[in-house]
C-alpha atoms as a PDB file:
ATOM      1  CA  UNK A   1     -39.719 -29.177 -38.002  1.00  0.00           C
ATOM      2  CA  UNK A   2     -42.370 -28.090 -35.493  1.00  0.00           C
ATOM      3  CA  UNK A   3     -40.085 -29.324 -32.452  1.00  0.00           C
ATOM      4  CA  UNK A   4     -37.372 -27.045 -33.785  1.00  0.00           C
ATOM      5  CA  UNK A   5     -39.609 -24.022 -34.200  1.00  0.00           C
ATOM      6  CA  UNK A   6     -40.654 -24.427 -30.664  1.00  0.00           C
ATOM      7  CA  UNK A   7     -37.333 -24.742 -29.307  1.00  0.00           C
ATOM      8  CA  UNK A   8     -36.136 -21.448 -31.193  1.00  0.00           C
ATOM      9  CA  UNK A   9     -39.150 -19.682 -29.846  1.00  0.00           C
ATOM     10  CA  UNK A  10     -38.326 -20.913 -26.258  1.00  0.00           C
ATOM     11  CA  UNK A  11     -34.550 -19.832 -26.693  1.00  0.00           C
ATOM     12  CA  UNK A  12     -36.017 -16.193 -27.619  1.00  0.00           C
ATOM     13  CA  UNK A  13     -38.179 -16.221 -24.634  1.00  0.00           C
ATOM     14  CA  UNK A  14     -35.308 -17.304 -22.456  1.00  0.00           C
ATOM     15  CA  UNK A  15     -32.919 -14.597 -23.817  1.00  0.00           C
ATOM     16  CA  UNK A  16     -35.600 -11.901 -22.982  1.00  0.00           C
ATOM     17  CA  UNK A  17     -35.958 -13.323 -19.383  1.00  0.00           C
ATOM     18  CA  UNK A  18     -32.145 -13.152 -19.101  1.00  0.00           C
ATOM     19  CA  UNK A  19     -31.960  -9.528 -20.211  1.00  0.00           C
ATOM     20  CA  UNK A  20     -34.422  -8.540 -17.525  1.00  0.00           C
ATOM     21  CA  UNK A  21     -32.497 -10.614 -14.788  1.00  0.00           C
ATOM     22  CA  UNK A  22     -29.021  -9.310 -15.892  1.00  0.00           C
ATOM     23  CA  UNK A  23     -30.144  -5.909 -15.546  1.00  0.00           C
ATOM     24  CA  UNK A  24     -31.585  -6.760 -12.047  1.00  0.00           C
ATOM     25  CA  UNK A  25     -28.539  -8.244 -11.160  1.00  0.00           C
ATOM     26  CA  UNK A  26     -26.300  -5.380 -12.177  1.00  0.00           C
ATOM     27  CA  UNK A  27     -28.518  -3.057 -10.266  1.00  0.00           C
ATOM     28  CA  UNK A  28     -28.235  -5.371  -7.196  1.00  0.00           C
ATOM     29  CA  UNK A  29     -24.536  -5.476  -7.520  1.00  0.00           C
ATOM     30  CA  UNK A  30     -24.198  -1.745  -7.868  1.00  0.00           C
ATOM     31  CA  UNK A  31     -26.152  -1.138  -4.770  1.00  0.00           C
ATOM     32  CA  UNK A  32     -24.822  -3.627  -2.515  1.00  0.00           C
ATOM     33  CA  UNK A  33     -21.119  -3.868  -3.535  1.00  0.00           C
ATOM     34  CA  UNK A  34     -20.853  -0.090  -3.454  1.00  0.00           C
ATOM     35  CA  UNK A  35     -22.258  -0.144  -0.062  1.00  0.00           C
ATOM     36  CA  UNK A  36     -19.986  -2.985   1.160  1.00  0.00           C
ATOM     37  CA  UNK A  37     -16.987  -0.851  -0.077  1.00  0.00           C
ATOM     38  CA  UNK A  38     -18.039   1.910   2.742  1.00  0.00           C
ATOM     39  CA  UNK A  39     -17.335  -0.740   5.578  1.00  0.00           C
ATOM     40  CA  UNK A  40     -14.288  -0.037   6.971  1.00  0.00           C
ATOM     41  CA  UNK A  41     -11.608  -2.723   7.973  1.00  0.00           C
ATOM     42  CA  UNK A  42     -11.528  -3.954  11.674  1.00  0.00           C
ATOM     43  CA  UNK A  43      -9.009  -2.240  13.706  1.00  0.00           C
ATOM     44  CA  UNK A  44      -6.803  -4.076  16.320  1.00  0.00           C
ATOM     45  CA  UNK A  45      -8.516  -4.514  19.489  1.00  0.00           C
ATOM     46  CA  UNK A  46      -5.821  -2.424  21.504  1.00  0.00           C
ATOM     47  CA  UNK A  47      -6.138   0.384  19.162  1.00  0.00           C
ATOM     48  CA  UNK A  48      -7.658   3.395  21.254  1.00  0.00           C
ATOM     49  CA  UNK A  49     -11.154   4.762  19.932  1.00  0.00           C
ATOM     50  CA  UNK A  50     -10.957   8.326  18.800  1.00  0.00           C
ATOM     51  CA  UNK A  51      -8.621  10.972  17.123  1.00  0.00           C
ATOM     52  CA  UNK A  52      -4.957  11.381  17.390  1.00  0.00           C
ATOM     53  CA  UNK A  53      -5.323  12.915  20.953  1.00  0.00           C
ATOM     54  CA  UNK A  54      -6.225   9.463  22.176  1.00  0.00           C
ATOM     55  CA  UNK A  55      -2.999   7.865  21.000  1.00  0.00           C
ATOM     56  CA  UNK A  56      -0.905   6.145  23.758  1.00  0.00           C
ATOM     57  CA  UNK A  57       3.019   6.191  23.814  1.00  0.00           C
ATOM     58  CA  UNK A  58       3.871   2.409  24.353  1.00  0.00           C
ATOM     59  CA  UNK A  59       7.584   2.427  24.444  1.00  0.00           C
ATOM     60  CA  UNK A  60      10.704   4.837  23.900  1.00  0.00           C
ATOM     61  CA  UNK A  61      13.874   3.458  22.768  1.00  0.00           C
ATOM     62  CA  UNK A  62      17.297   5.072  22.990  1.00  0.00           C
ATOM     63  CA  UNK A  63      17.689   8.823  24.105  1.00  0.00           C
ATOM     64  CA  UNK A  64      16.920  11.801  21.899  1.00  0.00           C
ATOM     65  CA  UNK A  65      20.303  13.629  21.224  1.00  0.00           C
ATOM     66  CA  UNK A  66      20.487  17.021  22.901  1.00  0.00           C
ATOM     67  CA  UNK A  67      22.504  19.761  21.032  1.00  0.00           C
ATOM     68  CA  UNK A  68      24.095  22.910  22.327  1.00  0.00           C
ATOM     69  CA  UNK A  69      22.981  24.554  18.977  1.00  0.00           C
ATOM     70  CA  UNK A  70      19.858  24.821  17.013  1.00  0.00           C
ATOM     71  CA  UNK A  71      20.014  21.551  14.844  1.00  0.00           C
ATOM     72  CA  UNK A  72      18.958  21.763  11.093  1.00  0.00           C
ATOM     73  CA  UNK A  73      16.349  19.725   9.603  1.00  0.00           C
ATOM     74  CA  UNK A  74      16.901  16.954   6.903  1.00  0.00           C
ATOM     75  CA  UNK A  75      16.028  19.087   4.045  1.00  0.00           C
ATOM     76  CA  UNK A  76      18.354  21.952   5.062  1.00  0.00           C
ATOM     77  CA  UNK A  77      21.084  19.636   5.657  1.00  0.00           C
ATOM     78  CA  UNK A  78      20.538  17.734   2.502  1.00  0.00           C
ATOM     79  CA  UNK A  79      20.444  20.692   0.425  1.00  0.00           C
ATOM     80  CA  UNK A  80      23.648  22.299   2.028  1.00  0.00           C
ATOM     81  CA  UNK A  81      25.577  19.000   1.372  1.00  0.00           C
ATOM     82  CA  UNK A  82      23.965  19.033  -2.158  1.00  0.00           C
ATOM     83  CA  UNK A  83      22.563  15.508  -1.794  1.00  0.00           C
ATOM     84  CA  UNK A  84      18.812  16.493  -1.706  1.00  0.00           C
ATOM     85  CA  UNK A  85      17.178  18.671  -4.258  1.00  0.00           C
ATOM     86  CA  UNK A  86      13.529  19.780  -3.652  1.00  0.00           C
ATOM     87  CA  UNK A  87      13.528  23.289  -4.978  1.00  0.00           C
ATOM     88  CA  UNK A  88      12.826  24.672  -8.497  1.00  0.00           C
ATOM     89  CA  UNK A  89      11.212  21.299  -9.822  1.00  0.00           C
ATOM     90  CA  UNK A  90       7.854  22.576 -10.645  1.00  0.00           C
ATOM     91  CA  UNK A  91       8.906  22.842 -14.380  1.00  0.00           C
ATOM     92  CA  UNK A  92      10.399  19.132 -14.055  1.00  0.00           C
ATOM     93  CA  UNK A  93       8.041  17.161 -12.076  1.00  0.00           C
ATOM     94  CA  UNK A  94       5.914  19.368 -10.090  1.00  0.00           C
ATOM     95  CA  UNK A  95       5.725  19.838  -6.288  1.00  0.00           C
ATOM     96  CA  UNK A  96       6.301  17.133  -3.745  1.00  0.00           C
ATOM     97  CA  UNK A  97       8.842  15.754  -5.799  1.00  0.00           C
ATOM     98  CA  UNK A  98      12.824  15.322  -5.215  1.00  0.00           C
ATOM     99  CA  UNK A  99      16.080  14.302  -6.402  1.00  0.00           C
ATOM    100  CA  UNK A 100      18.696  12.414  -4.412  1.00  0.00           C
ATOM    101  CA  UNK A 101      22.259  12.941  -5.599  1.00  0.00           C
ATOM    102  CA  UNK A 102      25.654  11.459  -4.537  1.00  0.00           C
ATOM    103  CA  UNK A 103      25.602  10.335  -1.086  1.00  0.00           C
ATOM    104  CA  UNK A 104      21.943  10.891  -0.864  1.00  0.00           C
ATOM    105  CA  UNK A 105      21.377   8.083  -3.649  1.00  0.00           C
ATOM    106  CA  UNK A 106      23.807   5.885  -2.067  1.00  0.00           C
ATOM    107  CA  UNK A 107      22.185   6.314   1.332  1.00  0.00           C
ATOM    108  CA  UNK A 108      18.654   5.192  -0.212  1.00  0.00           C
ATOM    109  CA  UNK A 109      20.329   2.239  -1.734  1.00  0.00           C
ATOM    110  CA  UNK A 110      22.294   1.317   1.291  1.00  0.00           C
ATOM    111  CA  UNK A 111      19.100   1.383   3.569  1.00  0.00           C
ATOM    112  CA  UNK A 112      17.162  -0.743   1.196  1.00  0.00           C
ATOM    113  CA  UNK A 113      20.061  -3.306   0.818  1.00  0.00           C
ATOM    114  CA  UNK A 114      20.472  -3.451   4.716  1.00  0.00           C
ATOM    115  CA  UNK A 115      16.805  -3.895   5.214  1.00  0.00           C
ATOM    116  CA  UNK A 116      16.523  -6.747   2.545  1.00  0.00           C
ATOM    117  CA  UNK A 117      19.445  -8.471   3.848  1.00  0.00           C
ATOM    118  CA  UNK A 118      18.196  -8.303   7.344  1.00  0.00           C
ATOM    119  CA  UNK A 119      14.713  -9.893   6.352  1.00  0.00           C
ATOM    120  CA  UNK A 120      16.264 -12.533   4.029  1.00  0.00           C
ATOM    121  CA  UNK A 121      18.307 -13.808   6.918  1.00  0.00           C
ATOM    122  CA  UNK A 122      14.803 -14.276   8.531  1.00  0.00           C
ATOM    123  CA  UNK A 123      13.454 -16.434   5.981  1.00  0.00           C
ATOM    124  CA  UNK A 124      11.439 -13.927   3.992  1.00  0.00           C
ATOM    125  CA  UNK A 125      10.551 -14.602   0.396  1.00  0.00           C
ATOM    126  CA  UNK A 126      11.867 -11.895  -1.736  1.00  0.00           C
ATOM    127  CA  UNK A 127       9.477 -10.587  -4.454  1.00  0.00           C
ATOM    128  CA  UNK A 128       9.092  -7.866  -7.221  1.00  0.00           C
ATOM    129  CA  UNK A 129       5.720  -6.794  -8.063  1.00  0.00           C
ATOM    130  CA  UNK A 130       3.969  -4.858 -10.889  1.00  0.00           C
ATOM    131  CA  UNK A 131       3.576  -1.043 -10.435  1.00  0.00           C
ATOM    132  CA  UNK A 132       0.219  -1.163 -12.411  1.00  0.00           C
ATOM    133  CA  UNK A 133      -2.600  -3.057 -11.097  1.00  0.00           C
ATOM    134  CA  UNK A 134      -6.408  -3.143 -11.689  1.00  0.00           C
ATOM    135  CA  UNK A 135      -9.005  -1.299  -9.549  1.00  0.00           C
ATOM    136  CA  UNK A 136     -10.310  -4.575  -8.027  1.00  0.00           C
ATOM    137  CA  UNK A 137      -6.845  -5.102  -6.342  1.00  0.00           C
ATOM    138  CA  UNK A 138      -6.996  -1.667  -4.866  1.00  0.00           C
ATOM    139  CA  UNK A 139     -10.499  -2.250  -3.614  1.00  0.00           C
ATOM    140  CA  UNK A 140      -9.403  -5.543  -1.986  1.00  0.00           C
ATOM    141  CA  UNK A 141      -6.747  -3.785   0.023  1.00  0.00           C
ATOM    142  CA  UNK A 142      -9.494  -1.209   1.308  1.00  0.00           C
ATOM    143  CA  UNK A 143      -8.569   1.666  -1.193  1.00  0.00           C
ATOM    144  CA  UNK A 144     -11.031   3.291  -3.541  1.00  0.00           C
ATOM    145  CA  UNK A 145      -9.140   4.514  -6.921  1.00  0.00           C
ATOM    146  CA  UNK A 146     -12.738   6.260  -7.832  1.00  0.00           C
ATOM    147  CA  UNK A 147     -12.744   8.277  -4.564  1.00  0.00           C
ATOM    148  CA  UNK A 148     -12.689  11.995  -4.839  1.00  0.00           C
ATOM    149  CA  UNK A 149     -10.077  13.098  -4.067  1.00  0.00           C
ATOM    150  CA  UNK A 150      -8.273  10.027  -4.802  1.00  0.00           C
ATOM    151  CA  UNK A 151      -4.762   9.166  -3.442  1.00  0.00           C
ATOM    152  CA  UNK A 152      -4.393   6.884  -6.498  1.00  0.00           C
ATOM    153  CA  UNK A 153      -2.882   7.671  -9.978  1.00  0.00           C
ATOM    154  CA  UNK A 154      -5.074   6.254 -12.606  1.00  0.00           C
ATOM    155  CA  UNK A 155      -3.534   5.637 -16.180  1.00  0.00           C
ATOM    156  CA  UNK A 156      -5.471   7.249 -19.111  1.00  0.00           C
ATOM    157  CA  UNK A 157      -8.454   5.017 -19.512  1.00  0.00           C
ATOM    158  CA  UNK A 158      -8.771   5.675 -23.100  1.00  0.00           C
ATOM    159  CA  UNK A 159      -5.573   3.749 -23.644  1.00  0.00           C
ATOM    160  CA  UNK A 160      -5.145   1.596 -20.604  1.00  0.00           C
ATOM    161  CA  UNK A 161      -8.739   0.252 -19.143  1.00  0.00           C
ATOM    162  CA  UNK A 162      -8.599   0.117 -15.292  1.00  0.00           C
ATOM    163  CA  UNK A 163      -5.067   0.444 -14.548  1.00  0.00           C
ATOM    164  CA  UNK A 164      -3.675   2.483 -11.620  1.00  0.00           C
ATOM    165  CA  UNK A 165      -0.186   3.087 -10.130  1.00  0.00           C
ATOM    166  CA  UNK A 166       0.450   1.158  -6.809  1.00  0.00           C
ATOM    167  CA  UNK A 167       1.077   3.135  -3.786  1.00  0.00           C
ATOM    168  CA  UNK A 168       2.656   0.304  -1.932  1.00  0.00           C
ATOM    169  CA  UNK A 169       4.080  -3.041  -2.870  1.00  0.00           C
ATOM    170  CA  UNK A 170       1.401  -4.569  -0.511  1.00  0.00           C
ATOM    171  CA  UNK A 171      -1.209  -4.351  -3.110  1.00  0.00           C
ATOM    172  CA  UNK A 172       1.011  -6.112  -5.820  1.00  0.00           C
ATOM    173  CA  UNK A 173       1.710  -8.885  -3.069  1.00  0.00           C
ATOM    174  CA  UNK A 174      -2.132  -9.115  -2.216  1.00  0.00           C
ATOM    175  CA  UNK A 175      -2.975  -9.480  -5.986  1.00  0.00           C
ATOM    176  CA  UNK A 176      -0.311 -12.453  -6.176  1.00  0.00           C
ATOM    177  CA  UNK A 177      -2.176 -14.258  -3.391  1.00  0.00           C
ATOM    178  CA  UNK A 178      -5.633 -13.458  -4.700  1.00  0.00           C
ATOM    179  CA  UNK A 179      -7.518 -16.649  -5.726  1.00  0.00           C
ATOM    180  CA  UNK A 180      -4.248 -18.351  -4.908  1.00  0.00           C
ATOM    181  CA  UNK A 181      -4.109 -21.607  -2.756  1.00  0.00           C
ATOM    182  CA  UNK A 182      -1.745 -21.999  -0.259  1.00  0.00           C
ATOM    183  CA  UNK A 183      -0.848 -25.182   1.613  1.00  0.00           C
ATOM    184  CA  UNK A 184      -1.682 -24.992   5.511  1.00  0.00           C
ATOM    185  CA  UNK A 185       1.741 -26.554   6.302  1.00  0.00           C
ATOM    186  CA  UNK A 186       3.389 -23.640   4.342  1.00  0.00           C
ATOM    187  CA  UNK A 187       1.776 -21.019   6.569  1.00  0.00           C
ATOM    188  CA  UNK A 188       2.794 -18.389   7.554  1.00  0.00           C
ATOM    189  CA  UNK A 189       4.403 -17.026   4.495  1.00  0.00           C
ATOM    190  CA  UNK A 190       6.756 -13.891   4.917  1.00  0.00           C
ATOM    191  CA  UNK A 191       7.130 -11.817   1.996  1.00  0.00           C
ATOM    192  CA  UNK A 192       9.746  -8.844   1.525  1.00  0.00           C
ATOM    193  CA  UNK A 193       9.453  -6.489  -1.404  1.00  0.00           C
ATOM    194  CA  UNK A 194      11.261  -3.290  -2.324  1.00  0.00           C
ATOM    195  CA  UNK A 195       9.235  -0.967  -4.898  1.00  0.00           C
ATOM    196  CA  UNK A 196       8.666   2.447  -6.073  1.00  0.00           C
ATOM    197  CA  UNK A 197       5.380   3.773  -4.317  1.00  0.00           C
ATOM    198  CA  UNK A 198       3.284   6.349  -6.115  1.00  0.00           C
ATOM    199  CA  UNK A 199       0.845   8.407  -4.182  1.00  0.00           C
ATOM    200  CA  UNK A 200      -1.269  11.310  -5.428  1.00  0.00           C
ATOM    201  CA  UNK A 201      -1.725  12.686  -1.742  1.00  0.00           C
ATOM    202  CA  UNK A 202      -4.644  14.900  -1.165  1.00  0.00           C
ATOM    203  CA  UNK A 203      -4.068  18.591  -0.791  1.00  0.00           C
ATOM    204  CA  UNK A 204      -4.501  19.598   2.805  1.00  0.00           C
ATOM    205  CA  UNK A 205      -4.085  23.406   2.040  1.00  0.00           C
ATOM    206  CA  UNK A 206      -0.641  23.398   3.528  1.00  0.00           C
ATOM    207  CA  UNK A 207       2.423  22.074   1.834  1.00  0.00           C
ATOM    208  CA  UNK A 208       4.169  19.306   3.893  1.00  0.00           C
ATOM    209  CA  UNK A 209       7.830  20.283   4.747  1.00  0.00           C
ATOM    210  CA  UNK A 210      10.804  18.155   3.284  1.00  0.00           C
ATOM    211  CA  UNK A 211      10.663  14.517   2.056  1.00  0.00           C
ATOM    212  CA  UNK A 212       7.347  13.890   3.590  1.00  0.00           C
ATOM    213  CA  UNK A 213       3.950  13.239   1.708  1.00  0.00           C
ATOM    214  CA  UNK A 214       5.927  13.019  -1.500  1.00  0.00           C
ATOM    215  CA  UNK A 215       4.447  11.839  -4.756  1.00  0.00           C
ATOM    216  CA  UNK A 216       6.765   8.949  -5.167  1.00  0.00           C
ATOM    217  CA  UNK A 217       9.312   7.144  -2.842  1.00  0.00           C
ATOM    218  CA  UNK A 218      11.041   3.783  -2.352  1.00  0.00           C
ATOM    219  CA  UNK A 219       9.840   1.568   0.408  1.00  0.00           C
ATOM    220  CA  UNK A 220      10.748  -2.042   1.777  1.00  0.00           C
ATOM    221  CA  UNK A 221       7.702  -3.838   2.682  1.00  0.00           C
ATOM    222  CA  UNK A 222       6.964  -6.822   5.149  1.00  0.00           C
ATOM    223  CA  UNK A 223       3.871  -8.850   4.184  1.00  0.00           C
ATOM    224  CA  UNK A 224       2.561 -12.010   5.875  1.00  0.00           C
ATOM    225  CA  UNK A 225      -0.150 -14.615   5.020  1.00  0.00           C
ATOM    226  CA  UNK A 226      -1.408 -16.411   7.964  1.00  0.00           C
ATOM    227  CA  UNK A 227      -3.747 -19.308   8.782  1.00  0.00           C
ATOM    228  CA  UNK A 228      -6.701 -18.731  11.017  1.00  0.00           C
ATOM    229  CA  UNK A 229      -7.065 -21.905  12.968  1.00  0.00           C
ATOM    230  CA  UNK A 230      -6.671 -20.543  16.473  1.00  0.00           C
ATOM    231  CA  UNK A 231      -7.507 -16.862  15.510  1.00  0.00           C
ATOM    232  CA  UNK A 232      -4.293 -15.425  16.986  1.00  0.00           C
ATOM    233  CA  UNK A 233      -1.939 -16.217  13.962  1.00  0.00           C
ATOM    234  CA  UNK A 234      -2.370 -12.756  12.318  1.00  0.00           C
ATOM    235  CA  UNK A 235      -1.687 -10.941  15.595  1.00  0.00           C
ATOM    236  CA  UNK A 236       1.371 -13.148  16.360  1.00  0.00           C
ATOM    237  CA  UNK A 237       2.900 -12.208  12.947  1.00  0.00           C
ATOM    238  CA  UNK A 238       2.194  -8.590  13.490  1.00  0.00           C
ATOM    239  CA  UNK A 239       4.251  -8.653  16.762  1.00  0.00           C
ATOM    240  CA  UNK A 240       7.033 -10.327  15.011  1.00  0.00           C
ATOM    241  CA  UNK A 241       6.905  -7.863  12.184  1.00  0.00           C
ATOM    242  CA  UNK A 242       7.016  -5.084  14.916  1.00  0.00           C
ATOM    243  CA  UNK A 243       9.988  -6.792  16.665  1.00  0.00           C
ATOM    244  CA  UNK A 244      11.742  -6.917  13.242  1.00  0.00           C
ATOM    245  CA  UNK A 245      11.042  -3.117  12.689  1.00  0.00           C
ATOM    246  CA  UNK A 246      12.631  -2.429  16.244  1.00  0.00           C
ATOM    247  CA  UNK A 247      15.574  -4.393  15.297  1.00  0.00           C
ATOM    248  CA  UNK A 248      16.186  -2.450  12.222  1.00  0.00           C
ATOM    249  CA  UNK A 249      15.986   0.812  13.944  1.00  0.00           C
ATOM    250  CA  UNK A 250      18.243  -0.119  16.820  1.00  0.00           C
ATOM    251  CA  UNK A 251      20.834  -1.511  14.504  1.00  0.00           C
ATOM    252  CA  UNK A 252      20.845   1.709  12.696  1.00  0.00           C
ATOM    253  CA  UNK A 253      21.534   3.480  15.969  1.00  0.00           C
ATOM    254  CA  UNK A 254      18.149   5.600  15.830  1.00  0.00           C
ATOM    255  CA  UNK A 255      16.187   6.947  18.647  1.00  0.00           C
ATOM    256  CA  UNK A 256      12.341   6.206  18.079  1.00  0.00           C
ATOM    257  CA  UNK A 257       9.240   5.628  19.992  1.00  0.00           C
END
C-alpha cells in the first residue's frame, strides 16, 4: 500500500534523525555532567576558609593524662600484648592491613555493640547495607571512582561491570534513599549502620603509623534524612549527632577535643 510505504520511509528518516540527536545528547551529557562533578559540596558556614592552619579549637573535654614516664603508642602496646599484629603481612594482605587477636578483637566488637545500643536507645533505625555499589552511588555522595589516584576499590570490570567496594556505609544508606519517597511527617529519619569500610588510600610518600589510613576497618555510621521546610533542619540534626558523639566519648572516659 502507498500509505504503508510512506510510513516506512518516514520511520527510516526518523531513525536517522534520532541517531544524530542521540550522539549530540551523549556529547552534551559528557561535557556538562563531567563538569558538574567538579563542583564541590557546600561547606558549613561556620567552617573557616583556608588550610589546616585556619582550624579553630572549639572545645576540650576532660583532661589529657600526664605520665611520669614516656607512654607507648597504641601499636607498640597492642603488639606487646599480642592483640594487634601489623608486621610481616606483606605476603598475606599487603601494607596497611592488620590483625586483631584475643582482647583486641573483643574490644572492637564491644565498641561496636556499645555504640549500636546507645543509638538504638535514641530511636535510630538499624540497617545493614551492601558493600558493593554502582559508580553512580559514589558520585552522588561526592566521590569519583574514576579519579586518579582513586580512593575506591573497583571490582574487575571484565566480570562485574560498574561495581566498587564502599568506603563507608553512608554510601549504601544514601543509595537506599535514592529515588525513594519519604513522608514529611516521618522526618527526620535517623539511621545507624555498622559496616566494613574499604579504602584504597592514596600514597602520600610516607607510610602512616599504626592503625591509621588502613585499607579496611569497621565503623558505626550515623546517617540522617531531614526535611528542608525551614532550612535549619539539617544543621539541627548535625548538632544532635555531634552531641551523641560527645556522649559516646565521655561515657568511654576519653579525653577529646
